[in-house]
Amino acid sequence: MPQSCEISFVTYPDGNVDEASITVCGEAIARQRFVSAWLPDRFFGPSSELGLSSLWRGAAEKGARSYTIIIGTNGEPKLKER
């Protein structure tokens, strides 16, 4: 299992976390997982071929947000600045 001091995820407009998007691989992968949860690869093909940026932009316009939390060496979490 990959290990990292960063955790990325996507939130819905109401602030709830999309559990399928939680990853240690960065915000781009979190966004891809978010989209893939709604457009499964088995029906629509790989999400990398779906125009992910366009789909994400639409979700962001509706209030979806992606975040990364960094866990410091002291164990304290902080939001990664953009």
C-alpha atoms as a PDB file:
ATOM      1  CA  MET A   1       0.000   0.000   0.000  1.00  0.00           C
ATOM      2  CA  PRO A   2       1.393   3.446  -0.910  1.00  0.00           C
ATOM      3  CA  GLN A   3       2.415   5.689   1.937  1.00  0.00           C
ATOM      4  CA  SER A   4       2.609   9.445   1.920  1.00  0.00           C
ATOM      5  CA  CYS A   5       2.465  12.454   4.191  1.00  0.00           C
ATOM      6  CA  GLU A   6      -0.202  13.951   1.893  1.00  0.00           C
ATOM      7  CA  ILE A   7      -3.853  12.937   1.558  1.00  0.00           C
ATOM      8  CA  SER A   8      -5.998  14.307  -1.272  1.00  0.00           C
ATOM      9  CA  PHE A   9      -9.767  14.120  -1.657  1.00  0.00           C
ATOM     10  CA  VAL A  10     -12.808  15.758  -3.254  1.00  0.00           C
ATOM     11  CA  THR A  11     -15.772  17.252  -1.406  1.00  0.00           C
ATOM     12  CA  TYR A  12     -19.331  17.631  -2.633  1.00  0.00           C
ATOM     13  CA  PRO A  13     -20.982  21.068  -2.542  1.00  0.00           C
ATOM     14  CA  ASP A  14     -22.448  20.243   0.890  1.00  0.00           C
ATOM     15  CA  GLY A  15     -18.937  19.625   2.267  1.00  0.00           C
ATOM     16  CA  ASN A  16     -19.160  15.842   2.523  1.00  0.00           C
ATOM     17  CA  VAL A  17     -16.103  13.921   1.358  1.00  0.00           C
ATOM     18  CA  ASP A  18     -16.395  11.631  -1.657  1.00  0.00           C
ATOM     19  CA  GLU A  19     -14.889   8.473  -0.178  1.00  0.00           C
ATOM     20  CA  ALA A  20     -13.940   7.063  -3.594  1.00  0.00           C
ATOM     21  CA  SER A  21     -11.679  10.067  -4.176  1.00  0.00           C
ATOM     22  CA  ILE A  22      -9.462   9.685  -1.081  1.00  0.00           C
ATOM     23  CA  THR A  23      -5.881   9.029  -2.195  1.00  0.00           C
ATOM     24  CA  VAL A  24      -2.225   9.586  -1.353  1.00  0.00           C
ATOM     25  CA  CYS A  25      -1.449  10.139  -5.042  1.00  0.00           C
ATOM     26  CA  GLY A  26      -2.407  13.829  -5.391  1.00  0.00           C
ATOM     27  CA  GLU A  27      -5.370  15.994  -6.307  1.00  0.00           C
ATOM     28  CA  ALA A  28      -5.374  15.023  -9.990  1.00  0.00           C
ATOM     29  CA  ILE A  29      -5.944  11.365  -9.074  1.00  0.00           C
ATOM     30  CA  ALA A  30      -8.581  12.360  -6.491  1.00  0.00           C
ATOM     31  CA  ARG A  31     -10.454  14.258  -9.197  1.00  0.00           C
ATOM     32  CA  GLN A  32     -10.133  11.332 -11.609  1.00  0.00           C
ATOM     33  CA  ARG A  33     -11.533   8.931  -9.004  1.00  0.00           C
ATOM     34  CA  PHE A  34     -14.391  11.334  -8.291  1.00  0.00           C
ATOM     35  CA  VAL A  35     -15.383  11.426 -11.966  1.00  0.00           C
ATOM     36  CA  SER A  36     -14.854   7.671 -12.387  1.00  0.00           C
ATOM     37  CA  ALA A  37     -17.273   6.976  -9.541  1.00  0.00           C
ATOM     38  CA  TRP A  38     -20.020   8.612 -11.602  1.00  0.00           C
ATOM     39  CA  LEU A  39     -18.863   7.373 -15.017  1.00  0.00           C
ATOM     40  CA  PRO A  40     -17.498   3.857 -14.408  1.00  0.00           C
ATOM     41  CA  ASP A  41     -14.752   2.658 -16.752  1.00  0.00           C
ATOM     42  CA  ARG A  42     -16.661  -0.533 -17.531  1.00  0.00           C
ATOM     43  CA  PHE A  43     -19.404   1.486 -19.255  1.00  0.00           C
ATOM     44  CA  PHE A  44     -17.612   4.610 -20.481  1.00  0.00           C
ATOM     45  CA  GLY A  45     -13.995   3.517 -20.933  1.00  0.00           C
ATOM     46  CA  PRO A  46     -10.966   4.874 -19.071  1.00  0.00           C
ATOM     47  CA  SER A  47     -11.673   8.215 -17.429  1.00  0.00           C
ATOM     48  CA  SER A  48      -8.410   9.542 -18.856  1.00  0.00           C
ATOM     49  CA  GLU A  49     -10.130   9.477 -22.265  1.00  0.00           C
ATOM     50  CA  LEU A  50     -13.330  11.177 -21.121  1.00  0.00           C
ATOM     51  CA  GLY A  51     -12.159  14.774 -21.118  1.00  0.00           C
ATOM     52  CA  LEU A  52     -11.539  14.766 -17.394  1.00  0.00           C
ATOM     53  CA  SER A  53     -10.685  18.470 -17.180  1.00  0.00           C
ATOM     54  CA  SER A  54     -14.004  19.440 -18.751  1.00  0.00           C
ATOM     55  CA  LEU A  55     -15.959  17.113 -16.458  1.00  0.00           C
ATOM     56  CA  TRP A  56     -14.085  18.360 -13.391  1.00  0.00           C
ATOM     57  CA  ARG A  57     -14.642  21.989 -14.380  1.00  0.00           C
ATOM     58  CA  GLY A  58     -18.392  21.314 -14.526  1.00  0.00           C
ATOM     59  CA  ALA A  59     -18.353  19.682 -11.086  1.00  0.00           C
ATOM     60  CA  ALA A  60     -16.297  22.563  -9.652  1.00  0.00           C
ATOM     61  CA  GLU A  61     -18.795  25.076 -11.048  1.00  0.00           C
ATOM     62  CA  LYS A  62     -21.487  23.229  -9.088  1.00  0.00           C
ATOM     63  CA  GLY A  63     -19.426  23.398  -5.870  1.00  0.00           C
ATOM     64  CA  ALA A  64     -17.185  20.318  -5.821  1.00  0.00           C
ATOM     65  CA  ARG A  65     -13.712  21.062  -4.411  1.00  0.00           C
ATOM     66  CA  SER A  66     -10.457  19.148  -4.151  1.00  0.00           C
ATOM     67  CA  TYR A  67      -8.050  19.458  -1.240  1.00  0.00           C
ATOM     68  CA  THR A  68      -4.756  18.056  -0.016  1.00  0.00           C
ATOM     69  CA  ILE A  69      -3.887  17.729   3.648  1.00  0.00           C
ATOM     70  CA  ILE A  70      -0.212  17.517   4.607  1.00  0.00           C
ATOM     71  CA  ILE A  71       0.723  15.638   7.763  1.00  0.00           C
ATOM     72  CA  GLY A  72       3.770  17.346   9.289  1.00  0.00           C
ATOM     73  CA  THR A  73       6.657  15.564  10.985  1.00  0.00           C
ATOM     74  CA  ASN A  74       5.059  16.478  14.312  1.00  0.00           C
ATOM     75  CA  GLY A  75       1.824  14.735  13.257  1.00  0.00           C
ATOM     76  CA  GLU A  76      -0.119  17.978  12.849  1.00  0.00           C
ATOM     77  CA  PRO A  77      -2.275  18.227   9.702  1.00  0.00           C
ATOM     78  CA  LYS A  78      -2.497  21.375   7.596  1.00  0.00           C
ATOM     79  CA  LEU A  79      -4.211  22.234   4.344  1.00  0.00           C
ATOM     80  CA  LYS A  80      -1.852  22.454   1.383  1.00  0.00           C
ATOM     81  CA  GLU A  81      -1.802  25.936  -0.109  1.00  0.00           C
ATOM     82  CA  ARG A  82      -2.501  26.260  -3.812  1.00  0.00           C
END
